[in-house]
Amino acid sequence: ATPVVFIPAPNDYPIAQGTALRAEMPRLGKAQRVKLSPAVGLTPYDGHNFIHLGVATWEPDVFAFLNEHTRR
């Protein structure tokens, strides 16, 4: 029942695993959102570190999604 937000950077390492996992979410009845972030830096290493380097970019979307899908 845990909601999931996918926020891949387009220049991350191959994201095929995340794509496959996202495809399973509707079948499992899980709340999910996909938000493709802008590229971060120039290399796949930079893109992979988007979670650390791009907090200001992803934080509003993630918290809005969690507020929508969690109980208080």
N, C-alpha and C. Protein backbone atom coordinates (compact mmCIF):
# COMPACT_ATOMS: atom_id res chain seq x y z
N ALA A 1 0.82 -1.20 0.00
CA ALA A 1 0.00 0.00 0.00
C ALA A 1 0.86 1.26 0.00
N THR A 2 2.15 1.12 0.06
CA THR A 2 3.04 2.29 0.12
C THR A 2 3.05 3.01 -1.23
N PRO A 3 2.77 4.31 -1.24
CA PRO A 3 2.84 5.06 -2.49
C PRO A 3 4.30 5.22 -2.93
N VAL A 4 4.51 5.31 -4.23
CA VAL A 4 5.87 5.38 -4.77
C VAL A 4 5.96 6.52 -5.77
N VAL A 5 7.03 7.29 -5.66
CA VAL A 5 7.32 8.34 -6.63
C VAL A 5 8.61 7.96 -7.35
N PHE A 6 8.56 7.96 -8.65
CA PHE A 6 9.74 7.71 -9.47
C PHE A 6 10.20 9.05 -10.04
N ILE A 7 11.45 9.41 -9.79
CA ILE A 7 11.97 10.70 -10.27
C ILE A 7 13.33 10.51 -10.94
N PRO A 8 13.37 9.74 -12.01
CA PRO A 8 14.67 9.53 -12.65
C PRO A 8 15.17 10.77 -13.38
N ALA A 9 16.47 10.91 -13.40
CA ALA A 9 17.10 11.94 -14.23
C ALA A 9 17.41 11.28 -15.57
N PRO A 10 17.18 11.96 -16.67
CA PRO A 10 17.41 11.34 -17.97
C PRO A 10 18.86 10.94 -18.23
N ASN A 11 19.79 11.52 -17.51
CA ASN A 11 21.20 11.15 -17.70
C ASN A 11 21.71 10.23 -16.59
N ASP A 12 20.78 9.56 -15.88
CA ASP A 12 21.19 8.56 -14.89
C ASP A 12 21.71 7.34 -15.65
N TYR A 13 22.31 6.42 -14.90
CA TYR A 13 22.70 5.14 -15.49
C TYR A 13 21.46 4.50 -16.09
N PRO A 14 21.56 3.45 -16.85
CA PRO A 14 20.36 2.87 -17.46
C PRO A 14 19.23 2.71 -16.43
N ILE A 15 18.05 3.15 -16.84
CA ILE A 15 16.91 3.15 -15.93
C ILE A 15 15.87 2.08 -16.30
N ALA A 16 16.30 1.03 -16.99
CA ALA A 16 15.38 -0.02 -17.41
C ALA A 16 14.70 -0.69 -16.23
N GLN A 17 15.42 -0.88 -15.14
CA GLN A 17 14.82 -1.52 -13.96
C GLN A 17 13.69 -0.67 -13.41
N GLY A 18 13.91 0.62 -13.32
CA GLY A 18 12.87 1.52 -12.83
C GLY A 18 11.67 1.55 -13.76
N THR A 19 11.93 1.49 -15.07
CA THR A 19 10.84 1.46 -16.04
C THR A 19 10.00 0.20 -15.86
N ALA A 20 10.65 -0.92 -15.66
CA ALA A 20 9.92 -2.18 -15.45
C ALA A 20 9.12 -2.13 -14.15
N LEU A 21 9.71 -1.58 -13.10
CA LEU A 21 9.01 -1.48 -11.83
C LEU A 21 7.80 -0.56 -11.94
N ARG A 22 7.97 0.56 -12.61
CA ARG A 22 6.84 1.49 -12.81
C ARG A 22 5.70 0.81 -13.54
N ALA A 23 6.01 -0.04 -14.49
CA ALA A 23 4.97 -0.75 -15.25
C ALA A 23 4.17 -1.71 -14.37
N GLU A 24 4.76 -2.20 -13.31
CA GLU A 24 4.08 -3.14 -12.41
C GLU A 24 3.17 -2.44 -11.40
N MET A 25 3.39 -1.19 -11.12
CA MET A 25 2.63 -0.50 -10.09
C MET A 25 1.11 -0.53 -10.31
N PRO A 26 0.60 -0.20 -11.51
CA PRO A 26 -0.85 -0.25 -11.71
C PRO A 26 -1.41 -1.66 -11.52
N ARG A 27 -0.69 -2.65 -11.96
CA ARG A 27 -1.15 -4.03 -11.82
C ARG A 27 -1.26 -4.41 -10.34
N LEU A 28 -0.38 -3.87 -9.52
CA LEU A 28 -0.38 -4.15 -8.10
C LEU A 28 -1.31 -3.23 -7.31
N GLY A 29 -1.93 -2.29 -8.01
CA GLY A 29 -2.84 -1.37 -7.36
C GLY A 29 -2.17 -0.34 -6.46
N LYS A 30 -0.93 -0.02 -6.75
CA LYS A 30 -0.17 0.91 -5.91
C LYS A 30 -0.24 2.33 -6.48
N ALA A 31 -0.41 3.28 -5.58
CA ALA A 31 -0.38 4.68 -5.99
C ALA A 31 1.03 5.02 -6.42
N GLN A 32 1.13 5.70 -7.53
CA GLN A 32 2.46 6.04 -8.03
C GLN A 32 2.39 7.29 -8.87
N ARG A 33 3.51 7.92 -9.03
CA ARG A 33 3.65 9.06 -9.91
C ARG A 33 5.04 8.99 -10.53
N VAL A 34 5.11 9.35 -11.79
CA VAL A 34 6.40 9.42 -12.47
C VAL A 34 6.65 10.87 -12.83
N LYS A 35 7.77 11.36 -12.42
CA LYS A 35 8.15 12.74 -12.72
C LYS A 35 9.57 12.71 -13.26
N LEU A 36 9.71 12.90 -14.55
CA LEU A 36 11.05 12.91 -15.14
C LEU A 36 11.70 14.25 -14.81
N SER A 37 12.79 14.16 -14.12
CA SER A 37 13.49 15.38 -13.72
C SER A 37 14.34 15.88 -14.88
N PRO A 38 14.81 17.10 -14.80
CA PRO A 38 15.77 17.56 -15.80
C PRO A 38 17.12 16.87 -15.55
N ALA A 39 17.92 16.84 -16.57
CA ALA A 39 19.27 16.26 -16.42
C ALA A 39 20.03 17.06 -15.37
N VAL A 40 20.84 16.36 -14.62
CA VAL A 40 21.66 16.99 -13.59
C VAL A 40 23.12 16.73 -13.94
N GLY A 41 23.89 17.78 -14.09
CA GLY A 41 25.29 17.61 -14.46
C GLY A 41 25.42 17.11 -15.89
N LEU A 42 26.55 16.46 -16.15
CA LEU A 42 26.85 16.04 -17.52
C LEU A 42 27.02 14.54 -17.68
N THR A 43 27.25 13.83 -16.60
CA THR A 43 27.58 12.42 -16.70
C THR A 43 26.49 11.55 -16.06
N PRO A 44 26.48 10.24 -16.35
CA PRO A 44 25.56 9.34 -15.66
C PRO A 44 25.76 9.37 -14.14
N TYR A 45 26.98 9.55 -13.69
CA TYR A 45 27.25 9.65 -12.26
C TYR A 45 26.51 10.85 -11.67
N ASP A 46 26.57 11.99 -12.36
CA ASP A 46 25.84 13.18 -11.91
C ASP A 46 24.35 12.90 -11.87
N GLY A 47 23.83 12.30 -12.93
CA GLY A 47 22.40 11.99 -12.99
C GLY A 47 21.98 11.02 -11.90
N HIS A 48 22.83 10.07 -11.58
CA HIS A 48 22.52 9.10 -10.53
C HIS A 48 22.48 9.77 -9.17
N ASN A 49 23.22 10.84 -9.00
CA ASN A 49 23.24 11.57 -7.74
C ASN A 49 22.21 12.69 -7.69
N PHE A 50 21.27 12.66 -8.61
CA PHE A 50 20.20 13.65 -8.64
C PHE A 50 19.49 13.76 -7.29
N ILE A 51 19.31 12.65 -6.62
CA ILE A 51 18.62 12.66 -5.33
C ILE A 51 19.33 13.56 -4.33
N HIS A 52 20.65 13.69 -4.45
CA HIS A 52 21.42 14.55 -3.56
C HIS A 52 21.66 15.94 -4.16
N LEU A 53 21.87 15.98 -5.46
CA LEU A 53 22.23 17.24 -6.11
C LEU A 53 21.03 18.09 -6.49
N GLY A 54 19.85 17.47 -6.60
CA GLY A 54 18.68 18.19 -7.10
C GLY A 54 17.53 18.27 -6.12
N VAL A 55 17.81 18.33 -4.83
CA VAL A 55 16.75 18.33 -3.82
C VAL A 55 15.72 19.43 -4.09
N ALA A 56 16.16 20.61 -4.41
CA ALA A 56 15.23 21.72 -4.66
C ALA A 56 14.30 21.42 -5.84
N THR A 57 14.73 20.57 -6.75
CA THR A 57 13.93 20.22 -7.91
C THR A 57 12.87 19.18 -7.57
N TRP A 58 13.25 18.13 -6.86
CA TRP A 58 12.30 17.04 -6.61
C TRP A 58 11.47 17.18 -5.34
N GLU A 59 11.97 17.94 -4.37
CA GLU A 59 11.32 18.01 -3.05
C GLU A 59 9.84 18.43 -3.11
N PRO A 60 9.47 19.49 -3.82
CA PRO A 60 8.05 19.88 -3.83
C PRO A 60 7.14 18.79 -4.39
N ASP A 61 7.56 18.14 -5.46
CA ASP A 61 6.73 17.08 -6.07
C ASP A 61 6.58 15.88 -5.15
N VAL A 62 7.66 15.48 -4.53
CA VAL A 62 7.63 14.31 -3.65
C VAL A 62 6.74 14.57 -2.44
N PHE A 63 6.91 15.70 -1.80
CA PHE A 63 6.11 15.99 -0.61
C PHE A 63 4.64 16.21 -0.96
N ALA A 64 4.34 16.81 -2.09
CA ALA A 64 2.94 16.95 -2.52
C ALA A 64 2.31 15.57 -2.73
N PHE A 65 3.04 14.67 -3.37
CA PHE A 65 2.54 13.31 -3.60
C PHE A 65 2.31 12.59 -2.27
N LEU A 66 3.27 12.68 -1.37
CA LEU A 66 3.13 12.02 -0.08
C LEU A 66 1.97 12.61 0.73
N ASN A 67 1.80 13.92 0.70
CA ASN A 67 0.67 14.53 1.39
C ASN A 67 -0.66 14.05 0.82
N GLU A 68 -0.70 13.81 -0.47
CA GLU A 68 -1.91 13.34 -1.13
C GLU A 68 -2.22 11.88 -0.78
N HIS A 69 -1.21 11.06 -0.55
CA HIS A 69 -1.40 9.62 -0.42
C HIS A 69 -1.10 9.04 0.96
N THR A 70 -0.86 9.87 1.94
CA THR A 70 -0.62 9.33 3.28
C THR A 70 -1.60 9.94 4.27
N ARG A 71 -1.84 9.18 5.30
CA ARG A 71 -2.75 9.64 6.36
C ARG A 71 -1.95 10.35 7.43
N ARG A 72 -2.58 11.28 8.08
CA ARG A 72 -1.93 12.00 9.19
C ARG A 72 -2.60 11.66 10.47
